[in-house]
Amino acid sequence: QVQLVESGGGLVQAGGSLRLSCVASGLTFSFFSMGWFRQAPGKEREFVAIIARNGASTKYAEPVKGRFTISRDNAKKTVYLQMNSLKPEDTAVYFCAADRTILTAPLYTQDDEYDYWGQGTQVTVSS
């Protein structure tokens, strides 16, 4: 049974930092691109960042470029999202997702491309 479990969310002041983690089990982690998405109250889920199977390439949504960094440790089956210079508009539930793909595939930002999802972790940024 595949599980993705996020952690690291919480309440932080604007300008602060958080590091989210997502631990995977029940799958061959290195076969999956890993993405982070978020959903704010009353809004649709949106793409945040993605990292390739081997960590060699990444892609970010424009609102988080230069502030967020995605990384992964295939030995630990874990993907991370380092979030710096947080803003109140970053407040959302953050989800990690796994996309079974070949090494040369593009990095997909559409959520319907992803095969597995975690339950999410709440991030709240106060002004």
Foldseek 3Di string as FASTA:
>chain_A
DKAWAKDWADEEAAQAKIKMKIAIPDDQLLQWKKFKWWDDPPGDIFGAKIAASVRPDMDGDVVQPPFWDWGDDSVRRMIMIIGGRDDQVVWTWMKMFIARDDRPDDDDGDPVRTDDIHPTDTHGYHD
